[in-house]
Amino acid sequence: MNWGWKIFILYIGFAAMILTLVVMSTQEKIELVTSDYYKKEIAFQGILEASKNAQDEKALSTLEIQQQNVKIHFPDRSKGAEKSIFVYSVSESSKDQHLQTCSDSLYFPLSTGKYKLQLSWSGGDKKYFEEKIVQIK
């Protein structure tokens, strides 16, 4: 076998490897956090201001994790306000949830995994927002 055939086999092997990688990459499942990503990006300044309000006024919620259940206690200044909770699963979008309540605490189950909780409410004329990371084992 001369060097021409060896180069030919090398090129064929390289092309086969590239085609294998292309096929594998097209079969990979890619999920966005949210489908309306650009719309939410425009409203981001309002979220920053609401988060600053929560930090400045110490209007932060508390979490209790009991086995696979999460209990959220909202601060006193949120009494009577409608609270919105977005639960994003880091690994699977099918586990995402959107919860709303007017009570001072909320209790809900989560399956095993890592979650990002986005809590928002209004108190008086101000809006409040905070994010929390929860790991359920």
Protein backbone atom coordinates (compact mmCIF):
# COMPACT_ATOMS: atom_id res chain seq x y z
CA MET A 1 0.00 0.00 0.00
CA ASN A 2 1.52 3.32 -1.03
CA TRP A 3 1.17 6.75 0.62
CA GLY A 4 -1.66 7.84 -1.75
CA TRP A 5 -3.98 5.12 -0.41
CA LYS A 6 -3.06 5.96 3.18
CA ILE A 7 -4.00 9.63 2.64
CA PHE A 8 -7.25 8.53 0.94
CA ILE A 9 -8.17 6.31 3.92
CA LEU A 10 -7.32 9.14 6.32
CA TYR A 11 -9.66 11.55 4.46
CA ILE A 12 -12.47 8.98 4.36
CA GLY A 13 -12.08 8.37 8.12
CA PHE A 14 -12.15 12.12 8.82
CA ALA A 15 -15.28 12.60 6.67
CA ALA A 16 -17.00 9.68 8.44
CA MET A 17 -16.17 11.19 11.84
CA ILE A 18 -17.55 14.61 10.81
CA LEU A 19 -20.76 13.06 9.45
CA THR A 20 -21.19 11.09 12.69
CA LEU A 21 -20.84 14.28 14.75
CA VAL A 22 -23.34 16.13 12.53
CA VAL A 23 -25.92 13.35 12.89
CA MET A 24 -25.41 13.22 16.67
CA SER A 25 -25.78 17.00 17.01
CA THR A 26 -29.06 17.08 15.05
CA GLN A 27 -30.55 14.51 17.42
CA GLU A 28 -29.65 16.49 20.58
CA LYS A 29 -32.68 17.95 22.40
CA ILE A 30 -32.29 21.71 22.97
CA GLU A 31 -34.80 23.56 25.15
CA LEU A 32 -35.11 27.26 25.84
CA VAL A 33 -36.08 28.44 29.30
CA THR A 34 -39.09 30.19 27.83
CA SER A 35 -40.58 30.38 24.36
CA ASP A 36 -41.13 34.16 24.46
CA TYR A 37 -37.53 34.95 25.37
CA TYR A 38 -37.25 38.28 23.50
CA LYS A 39 -40.50 39.66 24.91
CA LYS A 40 -39.32 38.94 28.46
CA GLU A 41 -35.90 40.48 27.76
CA ILE A 42 -37.54 43.83 26.99
CA ALA A 43 -39.33 43.79 30.38
CA PHE A 44 -36.08 43.05 32.22
CA GLN A 45 -35.59 46.62 33.51
CA GLY A 46 -38.86 46.36 35.45
CA ILE A 47 -37.63 43.11 37.00
CA LEU A 48 -34.38 44.78 38.07
CA GLU A 49 -36.28 47.60 39.78
CA ALA A 50 -38.65 45.15 41.52
CA SER A 51 -35.69 43.07 42.71
CA LYS A 52 -34.00 46.20 44.06
CA ASN A 53 -37.22 47.11 45.91
CA ALA A 54 -37.28 43.69 47.59
CA GLN A 55 -33.62 43.96 48.63
CA ASP A 56 -33.76 47.59 49.82
CA GLU A 57 -36.91 47.16 51.90
CA LYS A 58 -36.00 43.71 53.23
CA ALA A 59 -39.24 42.36 51.73
CA LEU A 60 -37.85 38.89 51.08
CA SER A 61 -39.71 35.61 51.26
CA THR A 62 -38.50 32.53 53.11
CA LEU A 63 -38.47 28.92 51.96
CA GLU A 64 -38.94 25.69 53.86
CA ILE A 65 -38.13 22.42 52.13
CA GLN A 66 -39.68 19.31 53.66
CA GLN A 67 -38.80 16.14 51.73
CA GLN A 68 -40.19 16.87 48.24
CA ASN A 69 -42.44 19.76 49.23
CA VAL A 70 -41.68 23.48 49.25
CA LYS A 71 -43.39 26.04 51.47
CA ILE A 72 -42.96 29.72 50.66
CA HIS A 73 -43.69 32.38 53.30
CA PHE A 74 -44.21 35.83 51.82
CA PRO A 75 -43.32 39.02 53.76
CA ASP A 76 -45.93 40.99 55.70
CA ARG A 77 -46.13 43.83 53.19
CA SER A 78 -47.49 41.41 50.57
CA LYS A 79 -50.73 40.74 52.50
CA GLY A 80 -53.71 40.60 50.18
CA ALA A 81 -51.63 41.06 47.03
CA GLU A 82 -51.69 38.53 44.24
CA LYS A 83 -48.42 36.61 44.13
CA SER A 84 -47.06 34.91 41.05
CA ILE A 85 -44.58 32.04 41.25
CA PHE A 86 -42.79 30.66 38.20
CA VAL A 87 -41.06 27.33 38.83
CA TYR A 88 -38.45 26.49 36.19
CA SER A 89 -36.82 23.08 36.12
CA VAL A 90 -33.18 23.34 35.13
CA SER A 91 -33.16 19.99 33.36
CA GLU A 92 -36.71 19.44 32.02
CA SER A 93 -39.20 21.99 30.74
CA SER A 94 -42.09 19.56 31.30
CA LYS A 95 -41.67 20.13 35.08
CA ASP A 96 -42.14 23.91 34.77
CA GLN A 97 -45.08 25.40 36.68
CA HIS A 98 -46.82 28.75 37.07
CA LEU A 99 -48.63 29.24 40.38
CA GLN A 100 -50.70 32.17 41.66
CA THR A 101 -52.03 32.85 45.13
CA CYS A 102 -53.29 35.63 47.38
CA SER A 103 -52.43 33.89 50.66
CA ASP A 104 -49.38 34.65 52.79
CA SER A 105 -47.84 31.23 52.22
CA LEU A 106 -47.90 28.58 49.52
CA TYR A 107 -47.19 24.86 49.82
CA PHE A 108 -46.56 22.75 46.70
CA PRO A 109 -44.80 19.49 45.74
CA LEU A 110 -41.78 19.21 43.44
CA SER A 111 -40.11 16.13 42.03
CA THR A 112 -36.40 15.44 42.38
CA GLY A 113 -34.15 17.98 40.65
CA LYS A 114 -32.89 21.55 40.63
CA TYR A 115 -35.36 24.41 40.24
CA LYS A 116 -35.29 28.18 39.85
CA LEU A 117 -38.19 29.94 41.59
CA GLN A 118 -39.16 33.42 40.42
CA LEU A 119 -41.45 35.14 42.92
CA SER A 120 -43.23 38.40 42.15
CA TRP A 121 -45.88 40.45 43.96
CA SER A 122 -46.85 44.04 44.57
CA GLY A 123 -47.31 45.91 47.81
CA GLY A 124 -48.96 49.30 47.59
CA ASP A 125 -47.58 51.09 44.56
CA LYS A 126 -44.34 49.08 44.36
CA LYS A 127 -43.55 45.80 42.70
CA TYR A 128 -41.28 43.17 44.22
CA PHE A 129 -39.34 40.31 42.63
CA GLU A 130 -36.86 37.71 43.80
CA GLU A 131 -35.27 34.52 42.53
CA LYS A 132 -34.36 31.48 44.55
CA ILE A 133 -32.63 28.23 43.63
CA VAL A 134 -34.01 25.02 45.14
CA GLN A 135 -32.44 21.55 45.04
CA ILE A 136 -34.85 18.67 45.78
CA LYS A 137 -33.14 15.36 46.59
